[in-house]
């Protein structure tokens, strides 16, 4: 992995984080995202408690799988352990996007999964949005609780927490997080005006 490639990863993490913030998938300094350089065992991740509006490429942090900072002037995201556990247990995952998007998080707070009510959920989310059990934020258990679902799905709701989406690339992980929020928003609106109908064959 060349320094040019690592720079490209840092730029991608920065631009995607800013896009997620602008799209209201994250508020304040909440949420975090990363890319895994599997050949080096290094994670390119957003910094902890840092304003997305002023974040620059130099603020992106590179850590190893123990959380040691290899490059960067800030602490890594407080959820770095969640990212690391997902990478350790899911070899197909190359990027993680964790958001606190409001509609999806509202269902996570209610511990209410979202059934397959849109055809887009099948290719992008691989079915219904399930809930991973609650764990203390910042702990490795947050990631470990999500792993069983993320083995089968591209995203899940984390109880009383938010959304975590994965992909082979950062672009994939990001679009999966977008569809998770869009699905939750439409499901919320549908519940407010009637009884949503699950797509036949996806009732379970």
Protein backbone atom coordinates (compact mmCIF):
# COMPACT_ATOMS: atom_id res chain seq x y z
CA UNK A 1 0.00 0.00 0.00
CA UNK A 2 1.63 3.24 -1.14
CA UNK A 3 1.39 6.59 0.63
CA UNK A 4 -0.60 7.81 -2.39
CA UNK A 5 -3.22 5.12 -1.80
CA UNK A 6 -3.45 5.94 1.90
CA UNK A 7 -3.90 9.59 0.98
CA UNK A 8 -6.70 8.61 -1.39
CA UNK A 9 -8.39 6.69 1.45
CA UNK A 10 -8.12 9.69 3.76
CA UNK A 11 -9.61 11.95 1.10
CA UNK A 12 -12.48 9.52 0.54
CA UNK A 13 -13.20 9.26 4.27
CA UNK A 14 -13.20 13.05 4.58
CA UNK A 15 -15.46 13.69 1.59
CA UNK A 16 -17.90 10.92 2.55
CA UNK A 17 -18.10 12.14 6.15
CA UNK A 18 -18.89 15.66 4.98
CA UNK A 19 -21.50 14.34 2.55
CA UNK A 20 -23.15 12.28 5.29
CA UNK A 21 -23.21 15.35 7.54
CA UNK A 22 -24.68 17.55 4.79
CA UNK A 23 -27.35 14.92 4.11
CA UNK A 24 -28.34 15.01 7.81
CA UNK A 25 -27.30 11.41 8.42
CA UNK A 26 -25.24 12.72 11.35
CA UNK A 27 -25.64 15.72 13.65
CA UNK A 28 -23.01 17.63 15.59
CA UNK A 29 -20.00 15.36 15.93
CA UNK A 30 -22.01 12.12 16.02
CA UNK A 31 -21.42 9.22 13.66
CA UNK A 32 -18.17 7.93 12.23
CA UNK A 33 -16.85 6.05 9.22
CA UNK A 34 -13.77 4.20 8.14
CA UNK A 35 -11.96 2.25 5.43
CA UNK A 36 -9.85 -0.84 6.17
CA UNK A 37 -6.47 -1.34 4.52
CA UNK A 38 -6.51 -5.09 5.06
CA UNK A 39 -3.02 -5.72 3.66
CA UNK A 40 -1.54 -3.35 6.27
CA UNK A 41 -3.99 -4.07 9.06
CA UNK A 42 -4.71 -0.35 9.28
CA UNK A 43 -7.98 1.56 9.61
CA UNK A 44 -8.48 5.04 8.14
CA UNK A 45 -11.13 6.59 10.39
CA UNK A 46 -12.76 9.88 11.34
CA UNK A 47 -11.47 11.62 14.49
CA UNK A 48 -13.29 11.69 17.82
CA UNK A 49 -15.67 14.58 18.60
CA UNK A 50 -14.58 16.77 15.71
CA UNK A 51 -16.73 19.24 13.78
CA UNK A 52 -17.42 17.94 10.27
CA UNK A 53 -17.80 21.51 9.02
CA UNK A 54 -14.12 22.30 9.60
CA UNK A 55 -12.66 18.80 9.22
CA UNK A 56 -9.73 18.54 6.81
CA UNK A 57 -7.71 15.69 5.36
CA UNK A 58 -5.04 16.15 8.04
CA UNK A 59 -7.66 15.47 10.72
CA UNK A 60 -8.38 11.93 9.49
CA UNK A 61 -6.69 9.30 11.68
CA UNK A 62 -4.96 6.03 10.79
CA UNK A 63 -4.88 3.36 13.50
CA UNK A 64 -3.91 -0.29 13.81
CA UNK A 65 -6.30 -2.98 15.04
CA UNK A 66 -5.33 -2.23 18.66
CA UNK A 67 -6.34 1.41 18.35
CA UNK A 68 -2.78 2.74 18.27
CA UNK A 69 -2.52 5.95 16.23
CA UNK A 70 -0.17 5.46 13.30
CA UNK A 71 -0.90 8.78 11.67
CA UNK A 72 -2.91 11.78 12.76
CA UNK A 73 -3.07 14.55 15.36
CA UNK A 74 -6.37 13.50 16.98
CA UNK A 75 -7.82 10.54 18.82
CA UNK A 76 -9.71 8.12 16.57
CA UNK A 77 -13.49 7.94 16.75
CA UNK A 78 -14.77 6.76 20.12
CA UNK A 79 -16.39 3.86 18.23
CA UNK A 80 -13.13 2.59 16.73
CA UNK A 81 -13.55 -0.72 18.57
CA UNK A 82 -16.86 -1.30 16.78
CA UNK A 83 -15.17 -0.78 13.41
CA UNK A 84 -12.27 -3.07 14.29
CA UNK A 85 -14.50 -5.92 15.45
CA UNK A 86 -16.49 -5.76 12.22
CA UNK A 87 -13.30 -5.89 10.15
CA UNK A 88 -11.88 -8.75 12.22
CA UNK A 89 -14.98 -10.92 11.87
CA UNK A 90 -16.20 -10.03 8.37
CA UNK A 91 -13.47 -10.47 5.74
CA UNK A 92 -15.73 -9.21 2.94
CA UNK A 93 -16.09 -5.78 4.58
CA UNK A 94 -13.78 -2.98 3.47
CA UNK A 95 -15.63 0.02 4.89
CA UNK A 96 -17.99 0.89 7.73
CA UNK A 97 -20.40 3.83 7.98
CA UNK A 98 -22.08 4.50 11.33
CA UNK A 99 -24.79 7.17 11.39
CA UNK A 100 -27.37 8.55 13.80
CA UNK A 101 -29.81 9.27 10.99
CA UNK A 102 -33.06 10.33 12.71
CA UNK A 103 -35.72 8.11 11.13
CA UNK A 104 -33.70 4.92 11.28
CA UNK A 105 -32.47 5.70 14.78
CA UNK A 106 -36.05 6.25 15.96
CA UNK A 107 -36.81 2.61 15.09
CA UNK A 108 -33.56 1.55 16.79
CA UNK A 109 -34.69 3.37 19.93
CA UNK A 110 -38.01 1.49 19.78
CA UNK A 111 -36.21 -1.81 19.11
CA UNK A 112 -38.47 -2.13 16.07
CA UNK A 113 -37.16 -3.78 12.91
CA UNK A 114 -38.28 -2.62 9.49
CA UNK A 115 -39.79 -5.24 7.16
CA UNK A 116 -39.27 -5.40 3.40
CA UNK A 117 -41.68 -2.74 2.21
CA UNK A 118 -39.56 -1.45 -0.71
CA UNK A 119 -37.99 -3.39 -3.57
CA UNK A 120 -34.72 -1.44 -3.07
CA UNK A 121 -34.28 -3.09 0.31
CA UNK A 122 -33.60 -6.44 -1.37
CA UNK A 123 -30.43 -5.58 -3.37
CA UNK A 124 -29.10 -2.78 -1.16
CA UNK A 125 -29.94 -3.97 2.35
CA UNK A 126 -30.38 -7.70 1.65
CA UNK A 127 -33.79 -7.75 3.26
CA UNK A 128 -35.38 -6.32 6.38
CA UNK A 129 -33.52 -4.05 8.78
CA UNK A 130 -32.86 -6.01 11.94
CA UNK A 131 -31.89 -4.79 15.42
CA UNK A 132 -28.61 -5.70 17.10
CA UNK A 133 -28.70 -5.87 20.93
CA UNK A 134 -27.71 -2.84 22.97
CA UNK A 135 -24.14 -2.51 24.20
CA UNK A 136 -22.29 0.33 25.90
CA UNK A 137 -21.22 2.87 23.31
CA UNK A 138 -17.50 2.80 22.63
CA UNK A 139 -17.18 -0.86 23.58
CA UNK A 140 -16.08 -3.71 21.33
CA UNK A 141 -19.40 -5.39 22.12
CA UNK A 142 -21.22 -2.85 19.95
CA UNK A 143 -19.47 -4.31 16.92
CA UNK A 144 -19.67 -7.89 18.12
CA UNK A 145 -23.44 -7.57 18.56
CA UNK A 146 -23.83 -6.31 15.00
CA UNK A 147 -21.59 -8.95 13.37
CA UNK A 148 -24.16 -11.80 13.22
CA UNK A 149 -26.58 -9.55 11.32
CA UNK A 150 -23.90 -8.00 9.09
CA UNK A 151 -22.81 -11.47 7.99
CA UNK A 152 -26.15 -11.58 6.15
CA UNK A 153 -27.10 -7.94 5.68
CA UNK A 154 -25.50 -4.71 4.49
CA UNK A 155 -26.85 -2.68 7.40
CA UNK A 156 -28.51 -3.03 10.76
CA UNK A 157 -30.13 -0.89 13.42
CA UNK A 158 -28.27 -0.83 16.74
CA UNK A 159 -30.58 -0.73 19.74
CA UNK A 160 -30.76 2.75 21.32
CA UNK A 161 -27.84 3.86 19.19
CA UNK A 162 -28.11 4.28 15.42
CA UNK A 163 -27.28 2.58 12.15
CA UNK A 164 -24.21 0.70 10.99
CA UNK A 165 -23.75 -0.06 7.29
CA UNK A 166 -20.97 -1.98 5.58
CA UNK A 167 -19.65 -2.60 2.09
CA UNK A 168 -16.66 -3.80 0.16
CA UNK A 169 -15.95 -0.15 -0.56
CA UNK A 170 -16.76 3.13 1.18
CA UNK A 171 -19.09 4.07 -1.66
CA UNK A 172 -21.10 0.89 -1.07
CA UNK A 173 -21.22 1.30 2.71
CA UNK A 174 -22.38 4.90 2.31
CA UNK A 175 -25.18 4.11 -0.12
CA UNK A 176 -26.35 1.32 2.17
CA UNK A 177 -26.59 3.84 5.01
CA UNK A 178 -28.57 6.16 2.75
CA UNK A 179 -31.05 3.42 1.88
CA UNK A 180 -31.40 2.47 5.55
CA UNK A 181 -32.50 6.02 6.38
CA UNK A 182 -34.70 6.37 3.28
CA UNK A 183 -36.43 3.08 4.10
CA UNK A 184 -37.01 4.15 7.70
CA UNK A 185 -38.41 7.51 6.62
CA UNK A 186 -40.86 5.94 4.17
CA UNK A 187 -41.89 3.27 6.68
CA UNK A 188 -42.48 5.94 9.33
CA UNK A 189 -44.64 7.96 6.93
CA UNK A 190 -46.54 4.85 5.84
CA UNK A 191 -47.28 3.90 9.46
CA UNK A 192 -48.67 7.39 10.06
CA UNK A 193 -51.30 7.07 7.33
CA UNK A 194 -52.12 3.37 7.21
CA UNK A 195 -50.80 -0.15 7.51
CA UNK A 196 -47.66 -0.80 5.41
CA UNK A 197 -47.80 -3.93 3.26
CA UNK A 198 -44.76 -6.20 3.15
CA UNK A 199 -43.60 -7.35 -0.30
CA UNK A 200 -44.92 -10.89 -0.88
CA UNK A 201 -42.36 -13.55 -0.09
CA UNK A 202 -40.55 -11.34 2.43
CA UNK A 203 -43.06 -11.49 5.29
CA UNK A 204 -40.52 -13.17 7.63
